[in-house]
Amino acid sequence: MEIREAIGKLSLEERAEITAELCGWADDDWDRQMKRDVQQGKLSAFNRAGDAAQSSGHTRPLNEILREP
């Protein structure tokens, strides 16, 4: 509770800085986990499935998809 009280006393700019820092920590954790998963081969099947879909013409360029309403 002390942390919440202290944050409540900060300016909006200071809270924004803390929020960005905390979100950065979550991103760092995510990046480390993804790196471990890749090194352990946990994404190999996913990569193979993507390659197969690409090779068989079952994919579209992202810019085409983003232009759709």
Foldseek 3Di string as FASTA:
>chain_A
DVVVVVLVPDDPVVVVVVVVVVVVVVVVVVVVVVVVCVVVVVCVVVVVVVVVCVVVVVDDDPVVVVPDD
